[in-house]
PDB file of N, CA and C in Angstrom:
ATOM      1  N   UNK A   1      -7.732 -37.058  54.873  1.00  0.00           N
ATOM      2  CA  UNK A   1      -8.947 -36.203  55.158  1.00  0.00           C
ATOM      3  C   UNK A   1      -8.400 -35.010  55.680  1.00  0.00           C
ATOM      4  N   UNK A   2      -9.197 -33.932  55.398  1.00  0.00           N
ATOM      5  CA  UNK A   2      -8.708 -32.492  56.065  1.00  0.00           C
ATOM      6  C   UNK A   2      -8.972 -32.623  57.694  1.00  0.00           C
ATOM      7  N   UNK A   3      -9.974 -33.412  58.193  1.00  0.00           N
ATOM      8  CA  UNK A   3     -10.023 -33.368  59.538  1.00  0.00           C
ATOM      9  C   UNK A   3      -9.250 -34.474  60.237  1.00  0.00           C
ATOM     10  N   UNK A   4      -8.320 -35.283  59.625  1.00  0.00           N
ATOM     11  CA  UNK A   4      -7.333 -36.117  60.161  1.00  0.00           C
ATOM     12  C   UNK A   4      -8.230 -37.499  60.695  1.00  0.00           C
ATOM     13  N   UNK A   5      -9.459 -37.687  60.527  1.00  0.00           N
ATOM     14  CA  UNK A   5     -10.025 -38.941  61.116  1.00  0.00           C
ATOM     15  C   UNK A   5      -9.979 -39.976  59.916  1.00  0.00           C
ATOM     16  N   UNK A   6      -9.083 -40.750  59.739  1.00  0.00           N
ATOM     17  CA  UNK A   6      -9.054 -41.651  58.646  1.00  0.00           C
ATOM     18  C   UNK A   6      -9.883 -43.004  58.903  1.00  0.00           C
ATOM     19  N   UNK A   7     -10.265 -43.140  60.188  1.00  0.00           N
ATOM     20  CA  UNK A   7     -10.999 -44.299  60.720  1.00  0.00           C
ATOM     21  C   UNK A   7     -12.399 -44.299  59.911  1.00  0.00           C
ATOM     22  N   UNK A   8     -12.865 -43.375  59.358  1.00  0.00           N
ATOM     23  CA  UNK A   8     -14.175 -43.378  58.833  1.00  0.00           C
ATOM     24  C   UNK A   8     -14.154 -43.536  57.343  1.00  0.00           C
ATOM     25  N   UNK A   9     -12.946 -43.550  56.885  1.00  0.00           N
ATOM     26  CA  UNK A   9     -12.658 -43.729  55.410  1.00  0.00           C
ATOM     27  C   UNK A   9     -12.973 -45.026  55.003  1.00  0.00           C
ATOM     28  N   UNK A  10     -13.744 -45.479  54.135  1.00  0.00           N
ATOM     29  CA  UNK A  10     -14.043 -46.673  53.641  1.00  0.00           C
ATOM     30  C   UNK A  10     -12.748 -47.398  52.722  1.00  0.00           C
ATOM     31  N   UNK A  11     -12.511 -48.823  52.863  1.00  0.00           N
ATOM     32  CA  UNK A  11     -11.431 -49.387  52.283  1.00  0.00           C
ATOM     33  C   UNK A  11     -11.385 -49.078  50.921  1.00  0.00           C
ATOM     34  N   UNK A  12     -12.407 -48.734  50.358  1.00  0.00           N
ATOM     35  CA  UNK A  12     -12.456 -48.783  48.682  1.00  0.00           C
ATOM     36  C   UNK A  12     -12.073 -47.168  48.307  1.00  0.00           C
ATOM     37  N   UNK A  13     -12.004 -46.472  49.335  1.00  0.00           N
ATOM     38  CA  UNK A  13     -11.375 -45.069  48.953  1.00  0.00           C
ATOM     39  C   UNK A  13     -10.332 -44.686  48.274  1.00  0.00           C
ATOM     40  N   UNK A  14      -9.132 -45.440  48.597  1.00  0.00           N
ATOM     41  CA  UNK A  14      -7.961 -45.222  47.795  1.00  0.00           C
ATOM     42  C   UNK A  14      -8.137 -45.610  46.315  1.00  0.00           C
ATOM     43  N   UNK A  15      -8.823 -46.801  45.867  1.00  0.00           N
ATOM     44  CA  UNK A  15      -9.173 -47.110  44.594  1.00  0.00           C
ATOM     45  C   UNK A  15      -9.982 -46.070  43.882  1.00  0.00           C
ATOM     46  N   UNK A  16     -10.926 -45.511  44.644  1.00  0.00           N
ATOM     47  CA  UNK A  16     -11.797 -44.558  43.978  1.00  0.00           C
ATOM     48  C   UNK A  16     -11.001 -43.194  43.670  1.00  0.00           C
ATOM     49  N   UNK A  17     -10.103 -42.804  44.673  1.00  0.00           N
ATOM     50  CA  UNK A  17      -9.312 -41.671  44.402  1.00  0.00           C
ATOM     51  C   UNK A  17      -8.359 -41.977  43.306  1.00  0.00           C
ATOM     52  N   UNK A  18      -7.822 -43.021  43.356  1.00  0.00           N
ATOM     53  CA  UNK A  18      -6.869 -43.326  42.087  1.00  0.00           C
ATOM     54  C   UNK A  18      -7.582 -43.320  40.953  1.00  0.00           C
ATOM     55  N   UNK A  19      -8.685 -43.925  40.737  1.00  0.00           N
ATOM     56  CA  UNK A  19      -9.611 -43.839  39.515  1.00  0.00           C
ATOM     57  C   UNK A  19      -9.960 -42.406  39.161  1.00  0.00           C
ATOM     58  N   UNK A  20     -10.312 -41.423  39.980  1.00  0.00           N
ATOM     59  CA  UNK A  20     -10.732 -40.186  39.735  1.00  0.00           C
ATOM     60  C   UNK A  20      -9.687 -39.388  39.331  1.00  0.00           C
ATOM     61  N   UNK A  21      -8.501 -39.564  39.952  1.00  0.00           N
ATOM     62  CA  UNK A  21      -7.241 -38.734  39.349  1.00  0.00           C
ATOM     63  C   UNK A  21      -6.936 -39.178  37.975  1.00  0.00           C
ATOM     64  N   UNK A  22      -6.999 -40.511  37.729  1.00  0.00           N
ATOM     65  CA  UNK A  22      -6.649 -40.969  36.369  1.00  0.00           C
ATOM     66  C   UNK A  22      -7.692 -40.263  35.344  1.00  0.00           C
ATOM     67  N   UNK A  23      -8.922 -40.324  35.756  1.00  0.00           N
ATOM     68  CA  UNK A  23      -9.952 -39.717  34.714  1.00  0.00           C
ATOM     69  C   UNK A  23      -9.631 -38.105  34.652  1.00  0.00           C
ATOM     70  N   UNK A  24      -9.258 -37.425  35.620  1.00  0.00           N
ATOM     71  CA  UNK A  24      -9.011 -36.139  35.544  1.00  0.00           C
ATOM     72  C   UNK A  24      -7.788 -35.820  34.733  1.00  0.00           C
ATOM     73  N   UNK A  25      -6.820 -36.714  34.847  1.00  0.00           N
ATOM     74  CA  UNK A  25      -5.582 -36.518  34.134  1.00  0.00           C
ATOM     75  C   UNK A  25      -5.921 -36.884  32.589  1.00  0.00           C
ATOM     76  N   UNK A  26      -6.663 -37.841  32.259  1.00  0.00           N
ATOM     77  CA  UNK A  26      -7.124 -38.125  30.973  1.00  0.00           C
ATOM     78  C   UNK A  26      -7.878 -37.062  30.142  1.00  0.00           C
ATOM     79  N   UNK A  27      -8.726 -36.629  30.976  1.00  0.00           N
ATOM     80  CA  UNK A  27      -9.667 -35.464  30.525  1.00  0.00           C
ATOM     81  C   UNK A  27      -8.862 -34.251  30.141  1.00  0.00           C
ATOM     82  N   UNK A  28      -7.955 -33.831  31.024  1.00  0.00           N
ATOM     83  CA  UNK A  28      -7.017 -32.611  30.891  1.00  0.00           C
ATOM     84  C   UNK A  28      -6.041 -32.986  29.706  1.00  0.00           C
ATOM     85  N   UNK A  29      -5.548 -34.168  29.398  1.00  0.00           N
ATOM     86  CA  UNK A  29      -4.719 -34.325  28.132  1.00  0.00           C
ATOM     87  C   UNK A  29      -5.572 -34.267  27.144  1.00  0.00           C
ATOM     88  N   UNK A  30      -6.778 -34.867  26.963  1.00  0.00           N
ATOM     89  CA  UNK A  30      -7.790 -34.790  25.701  1.00  0.00           C
ATOM     90  C   UNK A  30      -8.060 -33.252  25.365  1.00  0.00           C
ATOM     91  N   UNK A  31      -8.260 -32.441  26.426  1.00  0.00           N
ATOM     92  CA  UNK A  31      -8.658 -31.001  26.373  1.00  0.00           C
ATOM     93  C   UNK A  31      -7.308 -30.289  25.728  1.00  0.00           C
ATOM     94  N   UNK A  32      -6.082 -30.658  26.173  1.00  0.00           N
ATOM     95  CA  UNK A  32      -4.950 -30.030  25.711  1.00  0.00           C
ATOM     96  C   UNK A  32      -4.722 -30.380  24.123  1.00  0.00           C
ATOM     97  N   UNK A  33      -4.950 -31.700  23.900  1.00  0.00           N
ATOM     98  CA  UNK A  33      -4.884 -32.064  22.449  1.00  0.00           C
ATOM     99  C   UNK A  33      -5.650 -31.392  21.529  1.00  0.00           C
ATOM    100  N   UNK A  34      -6.978 -31.265  22.245  1.00  0.00           N
ATOM    101  CA  UNK A  34      -8.150 -30.672  21.344  1.00  0.00           C
ATOM    102  C   UNK A  34      -7.821 -29.336  21.036  1.00  0.00           C
ATOM    103  N   UNK A  35      -7.295 -28.496  22.162  1.00  0.00           N
ATOM    104  CA  UNK A  35      -6.982 -27.223  21.988  1.00  0.00           C
ATOM    105  C   UNK A  35      -5.834 -26.967  21.046  1.00  0.00           C
ATOM    106  N   UNK A  36      -4.738 -27.932  21.016  1.00  0.00           N
ATOM    107  CA  UNK A  36      -3.622 -27.701  20.217  1.00  0.00           C
ATOM    108  C   UNK A  36      -3.981 -27.939  18.820  1.00  0.00           C
ATOM    109  N   UNK A  37      -4.817 -28.842  18.456  1.00  0.00           N
ATOM    110  CA  UNK A  37      -5.495 -29.068  17.202  1.00  0.00           C
ATOM    111  C   UNK A  37      -6.236 -27.973  16.755  1.00  0.00           C
ATOM    112  N   UNK A  38      -7.049 -27.304  17.544  1.00  0.00           N
ATOM    113  CA  UNK A  38      -7.882 -26.015  17.095  1.00  0.00           C
ATOM    114  C   UNK A  38      -6.860 -24.927  16.770  1.00  0.00           C
ATOM    115  N   UNK A  39      -5.940 -24.872  17.564  1.00  0.00           N
ATOM    116  CA  UNK A  39      -5.080 -23.590  17.235  1.00  0.00           C
ATOM    117  C   UNK A  39      -4.375 -23.840  16.023  1.00  0.00           C
ATOM    118  N   UNK A  40      -3.890 -25.177  15.772  1.00  0.00           N
ATOM    119  CA  UNK A  40      -3.303 -25.400  14.425  1.00  0.00           C
ATOM    120  C   UNK A  40      -4.071 -25.102  13.320  1.00  0.00           C
ATOM    121  N   UNK A  41      -5.491 -25.502  13.410  1.00  0.00           N
ATOM    122  CA  UNK A  41      -6.343 -25.206  12.230  1.00  0.00           C
ATOM    123  C   UNK A  41      -6.470 -23.790  12.098  1.00  0.00           C
ATOM    124  N   UNK A  42      -6.668 -23.002  13.303  1.00  0.00           N
ATOM    125  CA  UNK A  42      -6.800 -21.427  13.294  1.00  0.00           C
ATOM    126  C   UNK A  42      -5.657 -20.831  12.536  1.00  0.00           C
ATOM    127  N   UNK A  43      -4.396 -21.081  12.950  1.00  0.00           N
ATOM    128  CA  UNK A  43      -3.156 -20.590  12.283  1.00  0.00           C
ATOM    129  C   UNK A  43      -3.024 -20.942  10.823  1.00  0.00           C
ATOM    130  N   UNK A  44      -3.488 -22.277  10.552  1.00  0.00           N
ATOM    131  CA  UNK A  44      -3.528 -22.585   9.023  1.00  0.00           C
ATOM    132  C   UNK A  44      -4.539 -21.616   8.281  1.00  0.00           C
ATOM    133  N   UNK A  45      -5.738 -21.366   8.831  1.00  0.00           N
ATOM    134  CA  UNK A  45      -6.706 -20.426   8.397  1.00  0.00           C
ATOM    135  C   UNK A  45      -6.256 -19.004   8.144  1.00  0.00           C
ATOM    136  N   UNK A  46      -5.626 -18.614   9.245  1.00  0.00           N
ATOM    137  CA  UNK A  46      -5.160 -17.201   9.259  1.00  0.00           C
ATOM    138  C   UNK A  46      -4.062 -17.178   8.033  1.00  0.00           C
ATOM    139  N   UNK A  47      -3.262 -18.079   7.965  1.00  0.00           N
ATOM    140  CA  UNK A  47      -2.159 -18.222   7.003  1.00  0.00           C
ATOM    141  C   UNK A  47      -2.838 -17.991   5.463  1.00  0.00           C
ATOM    142  N   UNK A  48      -3.767 -18.771   5.399  1.00  0.00           N
ATOM    143  CA  UNK A  48      -4.543 -18.955   4.043  1.00  0.00           C
ATOM    144  C   UNK A  48      -5.136 -17.574   3.702  1.00  0.00           C
ATOM    145  N   UNK A  49      -5.938 -16.884   4.702  1.00  0.00           N
ATOM    146  CA  UNK A  49      -6.392 -15.605   4.474  1.00  0.00           C
ATOM    147  C   UNK A  49      -5.549 -14.535   4.209  1.00  0.00           C
ATOM    148  N   UNK A  50      -4.175 -14.500   4.743  1.00  0.00           N
ATOM    149  CA  UNK A  50      -3.346 -13.469   4.460  1.00  0.00           C
ATOM    150  C   UNK A  50      -2.679 -13.851   3.062  1.00  0.00           C
ATOM    151  N   UNK A  51      -2.259 -14.967   2.916  1.00  0.00           N
ATOM    152  CA  UNK A  51      -1.747 -15.405   1.614  1.00  0.00           C
ATOM    153  C   UNK A  51      -2.598 -14.921   0.454  1.00  0.00           C
ATOM    154  N   UNK A  52      -3.847 -15.230   0.274  1.00  0.00           N
ATOM    155  CA  UNK A  52      -4.752 -15.069  -0.472  1.00  0.00           C
ATOM    156  C   UNK A  52      -4.723 -13.378  -0.902  1.00  0.00           C
ATOM    157  N   UNK A  53      -4.879 -12.610   0.103  1.00  0.00           N
ATOM    158  CA  UNK A  53      -4.837 -11.115   0.147  1.00  0.00           C
ATOM    159  C   UNK A  53      -3.529 -10.690  -0.558  1.00  0.00           C
ATOM    160  N   UNK A  54      -2.380 -11.144  -0.051  1.00  0.00           N
ATOM    161  CA  UNK A  54      -1.175 -10.799  -0.574  1.00  0.00           C
ATOM    162  C   UNK A  54      -1.081 -11.018  -1.974  1.00  0.00           C
ATOM    163  N   UNK A  55      -1.546 -12.255  -2.474  1.00  0.00           N
ATOM    164  CA  UNK A  55      -1.469 -12.357  -3.801  1.00  0.00           C
ATOM    165  C   UNK A  55      -2.304 -11.669  -4.636  1.00  0.00           C
ATOM    166  N   UNK A  56      -3.598 -11.414  -4.068  1.00  0.00           N
ATOM    167  CA  UNK A  56      -4.607 -10.632  -4.862  1.00  0.00           C
ATOM    168  C   UNK A  56      -4.352  -9.257  -4.895  1.00  0.00           C
ATOM    169  N   UNK A  57      -4.000  -8.625  -3.816  1.00  0.00           N
ATOM    170  CA  UNK A  57      -3.870  -7.382  -3.655  1.00  0.00           C
ATOM    171  C   UNK A  57      -2.662  -6.802  -3.390  1.00  0.00           C
ATOM    172  N   UNK A  58      -1.360  -7.524  -3.468  1.00  0.00           N
ATOM    173  CA  UNK A  58      -0.098  -7.074  -3.402  1.00  0.00           C
ATOM    174  C   UNK A  58       0.280  -6.725  -2.147  1.00  0.00           C
ATOM    175  N   UNK A  59      -0.222  -7.154  -1.020  1.00  0.00           N
ATOM    176  CA  UNK A  59       0.038  -6.721   0.420  1.00  0.00           C
ATOM    177  C   UNK A  59       1.595  -6.888   0.632  1.00  0.00           C
ATOM    178  N   UNK A  60       2.058  -6.167   1.546  1.00  0.00           N
ATOM    179  CA  UNK A  60       3.558  -6.299   1.686  1.00  0.00           C
ATOM    180  C   UNK A  60       3.714  -6.451   3.293  1.00  0.00           C
ATOM    181  N   UNK A  61       5.004  -6.315   3.772  1.00  0.00           N
ATOM    182  CA  UNK A  61       5.472  -6.513   5.106  1.00  0.00           C
ATOM    183  C   UNK A  61       4.692  -5.386   6.042  1.00  0.00           C
ATOM    184  N   UNK A  62       4.282  -4.168   5.596  1.00  0.00           N
ATOM    185  CA  UNK A  62       3.768  -3.233   6.420  1.00  0.00           C
ATOM    186  C   UNK A  62       2.341  -3.741   6.884  1.00  0.00           C
ATOM    187  N   UNK A  63       1.567  -4.363   5.945  1.00  0.00           N
ATOM    188  CA  UNK A  63       0.287  -4.960   6.112  1.00  0.00           C
ATOM    189  C   UNK A  63       0.466  -6.018   7.275  1.00  0.00           C
ATOM    190  N   UNK A  64       1.428  -6.883   7.232  1.00  0.00           N
ATOM    191  CA  UNK A  64       1.635  -7.968   8.209  1.00  0.00           C
ATOM    192  C   UNK A  64       1.947  -7.236   9.608  1.00  0.00           C
ATOM    193  N   UNK A  65       2.767  -6.364   9.554  1.00  0.00           N
ATOM    194  CA  UNK A  65       2.913  -5.657  10.886  1.00  0.00           C
ATOM    195  C   UNK A  65       1.814  -4.971  11.400  1.00  0.00           C
ATOM    196  N   UNK A  66       0.965  -4.329  10.510  1.00  0.00           N
ATOM    197  CA  UNK A  66      -0.214  -3.695  11.154  1.00  0.00           C
ATOM    198  C   UNK A  66      -1.239  -4.765  11.596  1.00  0.00           C
ATOM    199  N   UNK A  67      -1.272  -5.906  10.892  1.00  0.00           N
ATOM    200  CA  UNK A  67      -2.156  -7.017  11.451  1.00  0.00           C
ATOM    201  C   UNK A  67      -1.815  -7.405  12.760  1.00  0.00           C
ATOM    202  N   UNK A  68      -0.438  -7.637  12.934  1.00  0.00           N
ATOM    203  CA  UNK A  68      -0.059  -8.174  14.096  1.00  0.00           C
ATOM    204  C   UNK A  68      -0.313  -7.207  15.255  1.00  0.00           C
ATOM    205  N   UNK A  69      -0.112  -5.799  14.970  1.00  0.00           N
ATOM    206  CA  UNK A  69      -0.355  -4.877  16.107  1.00  0.00           C
ATOM    207  C   UNK A  69      -2.096  -5.032  16.478  1.00  0.00           C
ATOM    208  N   UNK A  70      -2.765  -4.957  15.569  1.00  0.00           N
ATOM    209  CA  UNK A  70      -4.259  -4.716  15.622  1.00  0.00           C
ATOM    210  C   UNK A  70      -4.665  -6.102  16.313  1.00  0.00           C
ATOM    211  N   UNK A  71      -4.274  -7.344  15.835  1.00  0.00           N
ATOM    212  CA  UNK A  71      -4.655  -8.623  16.414  1.00  0.00           C
ATOM    213  C   UNK A  71      -4.182  -8.774  17.986  1.00  0.00           C
ATOM    214  N   UNK A  72      -2.867  -8.348  18.220  1.00  0.00           N
ATOM    215  CA  UNK A  72      -2.477  -8.403  19.590  1.00  0.00           C
ATOM    216  C   UNK A  72      -3.376  -7.281  20.500  1.00  0.00           C
ATOM    217  N   UNK A  73      -3.647  -6.322  19.949  1.00  0.00           N
ATOM    218  CA  UNK A  73      -4.583  -5.275  20.745  1.00  0.00           C
ATOM    219  C   UNK A  73      -6.010  -5.950  20.827  1.00  0.00           C
ATOM    220  N   UNK A  74      -6.434  -6.671  19.908  1.00  0.00           N
ATOM    221  CA  UNK A  74      -7.814  -7.375  20.173  1.00  0.00           C
ATOM    222  C   UNK A  74      -7.715  -8.539  21.048  1.00  0.00           C
ATOM    223  N   UNK A  75      -6.620  -9.305  21.020  1.00  0.00           N
ATOM    224  CA  UNK A  75      -6.430 -10.536  21.734  1.00  0.00           C
ATOM    225  C   UNK A  75      -5.098 -10.330  22.599  1.00  0.00           C
ATOM    226  N   UNK A  76      -5.250  -9.593  23.594  1.00  0.00           N
ATOM    227  CA  UNK A  76      -3.747  -9.363  24.383  1.00  0.00           C
ATOM    228  C   UNK A  76      -3.438 -10.409  25.091  1.00  0.00           C
ATOM    229  N   UNK A  77      -4.260 -11.601  25.516  1.00  0.00           N
ATOM    230  CA  UNK A  77      -3.736 -12.748  26.212  1.00  0.00           C
ATOM    231  C   UNK A  77      -3.183 -13.775  25.199  1.00  0.00           C
ATOM    232  N   UNK A  78      -3.529 -13.716  23.972  1.00  0.00           N
ATOM    233  CA  UNK A  78      -3.210 -14.678  22.913  1.00  0.00           C
ATOM    234  C   UNK A  78      -1.656 -14.464  22.461  1.00  0.00           C
ATOM    235  N   UNK A  79      -0.941 -15.608  22.448  1.00  0.00           N
ATOM    236  CA  UNK A  79       0.492 -15.469  22.071  1.00  0.00           C
ATOM    237  C   UNK A  79       0.434 -16.172  20.538  1.00  0.00           C
ATOM    238  N   UNK A  80       1.530 -15.770  19.980  1.00  0.00           N
ATOM    239  CA  UNK A  80       1.581 -16.277  18.415  1.00  0.00           C
ATOM    240  C   UNK A  80       1.304 -15.306  17.398  1.00  0.00           C
ATOM    241  N   UNK A  81       1.005 -14.074  17.626  1.00  0.00           N
ATOM    242  CA  UNK A  81       0.525 -13.050  16.760  1.00  0.00           C
ATOM    243  C   UNK A  81       1.487 -11.964  16.269  1.00  0.00           C
ATOM    244  N   UNK A  82       2.785 -12.258  16.494  1.00  0.00           N
ATOM    245  CA  UNK A  82       3.622 -11.444  16.086  1.00  0.00           C
ATOM    246  C   UNK A  82       3.826 -11.433  14.497  1.00  0.00           C
ATOM    247  N   UNK A  83       4.511 -10.312  14.067  1.00  0.00           N
ATOM    248  CA  UNK A  83       4.716 -10.375  12.499  1.00  0.00           C
ATOM    249  C   UNK A  83       5.311 -11.529  12.025  1.00  0.00           C
ATOM    250  N   UNK A  84       6.434 -11.947  12.696  1.00  0.00           N
ATOM    251  CA  UNK A  84       7.147 -13.207  12.270  1.00  0.00           C
ATOM    252  C   UNK A  84       6.254 -14.385  12.320  1.00  0.00           C
ATOM    253  N   UNK A  85       5.444 -14.695  13.257  1.00  0.00           N
ATOM    254  CA  UNK A  85       4.433 -15.684  13.370  1.00  0.00           C
ATOM    255  C   UNK A  85       3.561 -15.705  12.166  1.00  0.00           C
ATOM    256  N   UNK A  86       2.878 -14.403  12.010  1.00  0.00           N
ATOM    257  CA  UNK A  86       1.900 -14.499  10.868  1.00  0.00           C
ATOM    258  C   UNK A  86       2.582 -14.686   9.500  1.00  0.00           C
ATOM    259  N   UNK A  87       3.784 -14.407   9.307  1.00  0.00           N
ATOM    260  CA  UNK A  87       4.407 -14.895   8.142  1.00  0.00           C
ATOM    261  C   UNK A  87       4.652 -16.270   8.023  1.00  0.00           C
ATOM    262  N   UNK A  88       4.786 -16.982   9.093  1.00  0.00           N
ATOM    263  CA  UNK A  88       5.047 -18.390   9.147  1.00  0.00           C
ATOM    264  C   UNK A  88       3.764 -19.071   8.925  1.00  0.00           C
ATOM    265  N   UNK A  89       2.547 -18.324   9.154  1.00  0.00           N
ATOM    266  CA  UNK A  89       1.326 -19.019   9.132  1.00  0.00           C
ATOM    267  C   UNK A  89       0.916 -19.050   7.559  1.00  0.00           C
ATOM    268  N   UNK A  90       1.723 -18.424   6.799  1.00  0.00           N
ATOM    269  CA  UNK A  90       1.298 -18.318   5.249  1.00  0.00           C
ATOM    270  C   UNK A  90       1.477 -19.627   4.578  1.00  0.00           C
TER     271      UNK A  90
END
């Protein structure tokens, strides 16, 4: 405890602490896995959108580069929007 007086701590406290730590760890792991799955779906969707327009409208590398610049400006904290990654998403 922060005040240093462990004599007031119930004997069940260590078990409760261990249980809560495990719950927090498990919830964080589930959140990470859900975020990864969501990003995978997003990247696939981005790739499909780019691929359709490339085929239908004959887009080239310049459009991919411009998309990368504009997306990174719109989402500066997001990684994975380089021209190379956009090409890999297709």
